[in-house]
C-alpha atoms as a PDB file:
ATOM      1  CA  MET A   1     -35.289  54.991  -4.246  1.00  0.00           C
ATOM      2  CA  TYR A   2     -38.943  55.960  -3.913  1.00  0.00           C
ATOM      3  CA  LYS A   3     -39.975  58.030  -0.892  1.00  0.00           C
ATOM      4  CA  SER A   4     -43.572  58.689   0.102  1.00  0.00           C
ATOM      5  CA  ILE A   5     -44.851  62.170   0.911  1.00  0.00           C
ATOM      6  CA  GLY A   6     -45.040  61.270   4.614  1.00  0.00           C
ATOM      7  CA  THR A   7     -41.379  60.211   4.649  1.00  0.00           C
ATOM      8  CA  ILE A   8     -40.311  63.331   2.737  1.00  0.00           C
ATOM      9  CA  TYR A   9     -42.171  65.511   5.247  1.00  0.00           C
ATOM     10  CA  LYS A  10     -40.603  63.851   8.303  1.00  0.00           C
ATOM     11  CA  ASP A  11     -37.062  63.492   6.947  1.00  0.00           C
ATOM     12  CA  GLN A  12     -36.583  66.627   4.833  1.00  0.00           C
ATOM     13  CA  VAL A  13     -39.298  69.270   5.157  1.00  0.00           C
ATOM     14  CA  LEU A  14     -39.719  69.302   8.942  1.00  0.00           C
ATOM     15  CA  PRO A  15     -36.015  69.645   9.891  1.00  0.00           C
ATOM     16  CA  LYS A  16     -35.402  72.195   7.111  1.00  0.00           C
ATOM     17  CA  ARG A  17     -38.290  74.432   8.199  1.00  0.00           C
ATOM     18  CA  GLU A  18     -37.425  74.150  11.893  1.00  0.00           C
ATOM     19  CA  ALA A  19     -33.865  75.303  11.156  1.00  0.00           C
ATOM     20  CA  LEU A  20     -34.844  77.981   8.630  1.00  0.00           C
ATOM     21  CA  PHE A  21     -37.513  79.662  10.752  1.00  0.00           C
ATOM     22  CA  SER A  22     -35.973  78.693  14.143  1.00  0.00           C
ATOM     23  CA  ILE A  23     -39.160  76.893  15.189  1.00  0.00           C
ATOM     24  CA  LYS A  24     -38.785  75.106  18.514  1.00  0.00           C
ATOM     25  CA  ASN A  25     -42.037  73.141  18.358  1.00  0.00           C
ATOM     26  CA  ALA A  26     -42.520  70.706  15.449  1.00  0.00           C
ATOM     27  CA  HIS A  27     -46.295  71.235  15.624  1.00  0.00           C
ATOM     28  CA  ALA A  28     -45.880  74.882  14.605  1.00  0.00           C
ATOM     29  CA  THR A  29     -44.628  73.977  11.123  1.00  0.00           C
ATOM     30  CA  PRO A  30     -47.209  73.914   8.315  1.00  0.00           C
ATOM     31  CA  LYS A  31     -48.528  70.475   7.399  1.00  0.00           C
ATOM     32  CA  VAL A  32     -51.364  68.851   5.473  1.00  0.00           C
ATOM     33  CA  GLU A  33     -54.410  68.765   7.746  1.00  0.00           C
ATOM     34  CA  LYS A  34     -56.948  67.023   5.495  1.00  0.00           C
ATOM     35  CA  VAL A  35     -57.869  66.319   1.881  1.00  0.00           C
ATOM     36  CA  ILE A  36     -61.440  66.800   0.629  1.00  0.00           C
ATOM     37  CA  ILE A  37     -62.546  65.163  -2.628  1.00  0.00           C
ATOM     38  CA  ASN A  38     -65.753  66.491  -4.239  1.00  0.00           C
ATOM     39  CA  ALA A  39     -67.687  65.342  -7.286  1.00  0.00           C
ATOM     40  CA  ARG A  40     -70.864  66.732  -8.822  1.00  0.00           C
ATOM     41  CA  VAL A  41     -73.845  64.514  -9.649  1.00  0.00           C
ATOM     42  CA  LYS A  42     -75.360  64.894 -13.102  1.00  0.00           C
ATOM     43  CA  GLN A  43     -79.117  65.443 -13.071  1.00  0.00           C
ATOM     44  CA  GLY A  44     -80.128  61.869 -13.733  1.00  0.00           C
ATOM     45  CA  GLY A  45     -81.688  60.547 -10.573  1.00  0.00           C
ATOM     46  CA  ASN A  46     -80.455  58.081  -7.994  1.00  0.00           C
ATOM     47  CA  ALA A  47     -78.495  55.950 -10.474  1.00  0.00           C
ATOM     48  CA  SER A  48     -75.963  58.691 -11.183  1.00  0.00           C
ATOM     49  CA  GLU A  49     -75.789  59.538  -7.462  1.00  0.00           C
ATOM     50  CA  GLU A  50     -74.866  55.940  -6.668  1.00  0.00           C
ATOM     51  CA  LYS A  51     -72.281  55.865  -9.475  1.00  0.00           C
ATOM     52  CA  VAL A  52     -70.569  59.018  -8.195  1.00  0.00           C
ATOM     53  CA  LEU A  53     -70.522  57.700  -4.614  1.00  0.00           C
ATOM     54  CA  ASP A  54     -69.148  54.369  -5.852  1.00  0.00           C
ATOM     55  CA  THR A  55     -66.455  56.129  -7.902  1.00  0.00           C
ATOM     56  CA  LEU A  56     -65.383  58.257  -4.934  1.00  0.00           C
ATOM     57  CA  SER A  57     -65.202  55.212  -2.671  1.00  0.00           C
ATOM     58  CA  LYS A  58     -63.028  53.402  -5.253  1.00  0.00           C
ATOM     59  CA  ILE A  59     -60.716  56.401  -5.598  1.00  0.00           C
ATOM     60  CA  THR A  60     -60.322  57.111  -1.881  1.00  0.00           C
ATOM     61  CA  GLY A  61     -60.955  53.774  -0.192  1.00  0.00           C
ATOM     62  CA  GLN A  62     -63.506  55.426   2.074  1.00  0.00           C
ATOM     63  CA  LYS A  63     -67.274  55.760   1.756  1.00  0.00           C
ATOM     64  CA  GLY A  64     -68.455  59.204   0.665  1.00  0.00           C
ATOM     65  CA  ILE A  65     -71.498  61.191   1.688  1.00  0.00           C
ATOM     66  CA  ALA A  66     -74.055  62.810  -0.577  1.00  0.00           C
ATOM     67  CA  THR A  67     -74.250  66.609  -0.497  1.00  0.00           C
ATOM     68  CA  LYS A  68     -77.649  68.236  -0.812  1.00  0.00           C
ATOM     69  CA  ALA A  69     -78.649  71.624  -2.225  1.00  0.00           C
ATOM     70  CA  ARG A  70     -79.265  74.279   0.427  1.00  0.00           C
ATOM     71  CA  LEU A  71     -81.194  76.580  -1.911  1.00  0.00           C
ATOM     72  CA  SER A  72     -83.470  76.163  -4.905  1.00  0.00           C
ATOM     73  CA  ILE A  73     -82.016  77.513  -8.162  1.00  0.00           C
ATOM     74  CA  SER A  74     -84.593  77.477 -10.936  1.00  0.00           C
ATOM     75  CA  ASN A  75     -82.138  78.242 -13.757  1.00  0.00           C
ATOM     76  CA  PHE A  76     -80.215  75.055 -12.969  1.00  0.00           C
ATOM     77  CA  LYS A  77     -83.382  73.047 -12.185  1.00  0.00           C
ATOM     78  CA  ILE A  78     -82.169  72.397  -8.650  1.00  0.00           C
ATOM     79  CA  ARG A  79     -84.565  72.169  -5.734  1.00  0.00           C
ATOM     80  CA  GLU A  80     -83.759  72.483  -2.057  1.00  0.00           C
ATOM     81  CA  GLY A  81     -82.786  69.105  -0.636  1.00  0.00           C
ATOM     82  CA  MET A  82     -81.838  67.530  -3.995  1.00  0.00           C
ATOM     83  CA  THR A  83     -78.586  65.586  -4.101  1.00  0.00           C
ATOM     84  CA  VAL A  84     -76.122  67.695  -6.086  1.00  0.00           C
ATOM     85  CA  GLY A  85     -72.828  65.976  -5.317  1.00  0.00           C
ATOM     86  CA  ALA A  86     -70.758  63.757  -3.100  1.00  0.00           C
ATOM     87  CA  LYS A  87     -67.670  64.287  -0.979  1.00  0.00           C
ATOM     88  CA  VAL A  88     -65.080  62.385   1.011  1.00  0.00           C
ATOM     89  CA  THR A  89     -62.808  63.843   3.703  1.00  0.00           C
ATOM     90  CA  LEU A  90     -59.485  62.112   4.317  1.00  0.00           C
ATOM     91  CA  ARG A  91     -57.265  62.793   7.323  1.00  0.00           C
ATOM     92  CA  GLY A  92     -53.989  61.442   8.634  1.00  0.00           C
ATOM     93  CA  LYS A  93     -52.375  58.482   6.891  1.00  0.00           C
ATOM     94  CA  ARG A  94     -55.195  58.103   4.361  1.00  0.00           C
ATOM     95  CA  ALA A  95     -54.768  61.730   3.264  1.00  0.00           C
ATOM     96  CA  ILE A  96     -51.000  61.311   2.870  1.00  0.00           C
ATOM     97  CA  ASP A  97     -51.427  58.041   0.927  1.00  0.00           C
ATOM     98  CA  PHE A  98     -54.004  59.688  -1.353  1.00  0.00           C
ATOM     99  CA  LEU A  99     -51.701  62.670  -2.040  1.00  0.00           C
ATOM    100  CA  ASP A 100     -48.892  60.239  -2.781  1.00  0.00           C
ATOM    101  CA  ARG A 101     -51.022  58.451  -5.399  1.00  0.00           C
ATOM    102  CA  LEU A 102     -52.273  61.790  -6.740  1.00  0.00           C
ATOM    103  CA  THR A 103     -48.815  63.251  -7.385  1.00  0.00           C
ATOM    104  CA  ASN A 104     -47.050  60.090  -8.556  1.00  0.00           C
ATOM    105  CA  VAL A 105     -49.762  58.217 -10.473  1.00  0.00           C
ATOM    106  CA  THR A 106     -52.861  60.296 -11.227  1.00  0.00           C
ATOM    107  CA  LEU A 107     -51.464  63.675 -12.317  1.00  0.00           C
ATOM    108  CA  PRO A 108     -49.051  62.115 -14.853  1.00  0.00           C
ATOM    109  CA  ARG A 109     -52.055  60.294 -16.378  1.00  0.00           C
ATOM    110  CA  VAL A 110     -54.011  63.534 -16.934  1.00  0.00           C
ATOM    111  CA  ARG A 111     -54.199  64.458 -20.602  1.00  0.00           C
ATOM    112  CA  ASP A 112     -52.122  67.560 -21.569  1.00  0.00           C
ATOM    113  CA  PHE A 113     -50.816  68.020 -18.023  1.00  0.00           C
ATOM    114  CA  ASN A 114     -48.105  70.688 -17.827  1.00  0.00           C
ATOM    115  CA  GLY A 115     -47.981  71.213 -14.084  1.00  0.00           C
ATOM    116  CA  LEU A 116     -50.223  72.708 -11.412  1.00  0.00           C
ATOM    117  CA  SER A 117     -51.006  76.407 -11.324  1.00  0.00           C
ATOM    118  CA  ALA A 118     -49.741  78.306  -8.292  1.00  0.00           C
ATOM    119  CA  LYS A 119     -52.798  80.594  -8.499  1.00  0.00           C
ATOM    120  CA  ALA A 120     -55.311  78.080  -7.118  1.00  0.00           C
ATOM    121  CA  PHE A 121     -54.670  78.945  -3.458  1.00  0.00           C
ATOM    122  CA  ASP A 122     -57.514  80.457  -1.438  1.00  0.00           C
ATOM    123  CA  GLY A 123     -55.580  83.062   0.550  1.00  0.00           C
ATOM    124  CA  LYS A 124     -55.225  80.867   3.642  1.00  0.00           C
ATOM    125  CA  GLY A 125     -52.747  78.297   2.326  1.00  0.00           C
ATOM    126  CA  ASN A 126     -55.309  75.761   1.052  1.00  0.00           C
ATOM    127  CA  TYR A 127     -54.997  74.455  -2.510  1.00  0.00           C
ATOM    128  CA  THR A 128     -57.659  73.129  -4.903  1.00  0.00           C
ATOM    129  CA  ILE A 129     -57.023  70.930  -7.931  1.00  0.00           C
ATOM    130  CA  GLY A 130     -59.793  70.404 -10.475  1.00  0.00           C
ATOM    131  CA  LEU A 131     -59.692  67.319 -12.695  1.00  0.00           C
ATOM    132  CA  ASN A 132     -62.074  67.257 -15.663  1.00  0.00           C
ATOM    133  CA  GLU A 133     -62.251  63.478 -15.906  1.00  0.00           C
ATOM    134  CA  HIS A 134     -62.277  61.043 -13.012  1.00  0.00           C
ATOM    135  CA  ASN A 135     -60.802  58.251 -15.146  1.00  0.00           C
ATOM    136  CA  ALA A 136     -57.295  59.683 -14.565  1.00  0.00           C
ATOM    137  CA  PHE A 137     -57.396  57.760 -11.287  1.00  0.00           C
ATOM    138  CA  PRO A 138     -56.165  54.190 -11.851  1.00  0.00           C
ATOM    139  CA  GLU A 139     -58.762  52.782  -9.428  1.00  0.00           C
ATOM    140  CA  THR A 140     -61.560  53.517 -11.920  1.00  0.00           C
ATOM    141  CA  ALA A 141     -61.594  51.079 -14.816  1.00  0.00           C
ATOM    142  CA  ALA A 142     -61.993  52.731 -18.222  1.00  0.00           C
ATOM    143  CA  ASP A 143     -64.584  50.227 -19.470  1.00  0.00           C
ATOM    144  CA  ASP A 144     -66.614  50.622 -16.273  1.00  0.00           C
ATOM    145  CA  VAL A 145     -67.181  54.326 -16.929  1.00  0.00           C
ATOM    146  CA  ALA A 146     -70.560  55.144 -18.456  1.00  0.00           C
ATOM    147  CA  GLN A 147     -70.438  58.885 -17.858  1.00  0.00           C
ATOM    148  CA  LEU A 148     -67.379  61.000 -17.068  1.00  0.00           C
ATOM    149  CA  HIS A 149     -67.543  63.562 -14.298  1.00  0.00           C
ATOM    150  CA  GLY A 150     -65.055  65.957 -12.800  1.00  0.00           C
ATOM    151  CA  VAL A 151     -63.401  65.632  -9.421  1.00  0.00           C
ATOM    152  CA  GLU A 152     -62.203  68.465  -7.214  1.00  0.00           C
ATOM    153  CA  VAL A 153     -59.419  67.821  -4.692  1.00  0.00           C
ATOM    154  CA  THR A 154     -58.912  70.397  -1.921  1.00  0.00           C
ATOM    155  CA  ILE A 155     -55.763  70.155   0.180  1.00  0.00           C
ATOM    156  CA  VAL A 156     -56.249  71.901   3.529  1.00  0.00           C
ATOM    157  CA  THR A 157     -52.987  72.899   5.207  1.00  0.00           C
ATOM    158  CA  THR A 158     -52.134  74.592   8.485  1.00  0.00           C
ATOM    159  CA  ALA A 159     -50.131  77.239   6.582  1.00  0.00           C
ATOM    160  CA  LYS A 160     -50.909  80.854   7.457  1.00  0.00           C
ATOM    161  CA  ASP A 161     -50.828  82.198   3.884  1.00  0.00           C
ATOM    162  CA  ASP A 162     -50.477  81.150   0.240  1.00  0.00           C
ATOM    163  CA  LYS A 163     -46.696  81.549   0.184  1.00  0.00           C
ATOM    164  CA  ASP A 164     -46.228  79.071   3.046  1.00  0.00           C
ATOM    165  CA  GLY A 165     -48.733  76.668   1.477  1.00  0.00           C
ATOM    166  CA  LEU A 166     -46.999  76.828  -1.912  1.00  0.00           C
ATOM    167  CA  THR A 167     -43.598  76.254  -0.319  1.00  0.00           C
ATOM    168  CA  LEU A 168     -44.925  73.270   1.642  1.00  0.00           C
ATOM    169  CA  LEU A 169     -46.517  71.621  -1.397  1.00  0.00           C
ATOM    170  CA  LYS A 170     -43.421  72.247  -3.544  1.00  0.00           C
ATOM    171  CA  GLU A 171     -41.217  70.658  -0.886  1.00  0.00           C
ATOM    172  CA  LEU A 172     -43.564  67.658  -0.782  1.00  0.00           C
ATOM    173  CA  GLY A 173     -43.026  67.146  -4.521  1.00  0.00           C
ATOM    174  CA  PHE A 174     -46.132  68.634  -6.137  1.00  0.00           C
ATOM    175  CA  PRO A 175     -45.444  69.414  -9.824  1.00  0.00           C
ATOM    176  CA  PHE A 176     -46.084  73.162 -10.092  1.00  0.00           C
ATOM    177  CA  LYS A 177     -45.559  75.093 -13.331  1.00  0.00           C
ATOM    178  CA  LYS A 178     -42.503  77.267 -13.642  1.00  0.00           C
ATOM    179  CA  ASP A 179     -43.144  81.010 -13.218  1.00  0.00           C
ATOM    180  CA  ASN A 180     -42.701  81.764 -16.933  1.00  0.00           C
ATOM    181  CA  GLN A 181     -45.236  79.141 -18.119  1.00  0.00           C
ATOM    182  CA  LYS A 182     -48.853  80.171 -18.627  1.00  0.00           C
END
């Protein structure tokens, strides 16, 4: 029987961690706080900006916001105030539903996927997944795609360190590589 990430957390992860670490308050256990989805806009004007925002809204079910450059970088032909990307922040049930679709539908559709690397933690228990092509998400139709762009998914947890974050995500069913795989 299929269980969602939210059900797995409530039924299995939470009681196990409370017993293992003798935590009296359920709010002290690490959990997923939010999920941030970023995409970069190709330098092609407003049309590509709208396409990226539309793609993110299809993937997440929530309208994204455009991110603007804070500094001018002449080597990349970026000026201050130019739109360089788009992002969406998901919290609560939407974040859990998105992670459920990510682990069970999207990641298996990624070409040459052998598991997630355990080295992509930031030192504070947050994890970032980079996908080279956004068409791995089933919400984006393959014939609708004129230009492929990458998507970055950051999972922000309340874990204190990488070890706790890795344990939490493994218990939630994220497909990490085995230690001996490179």
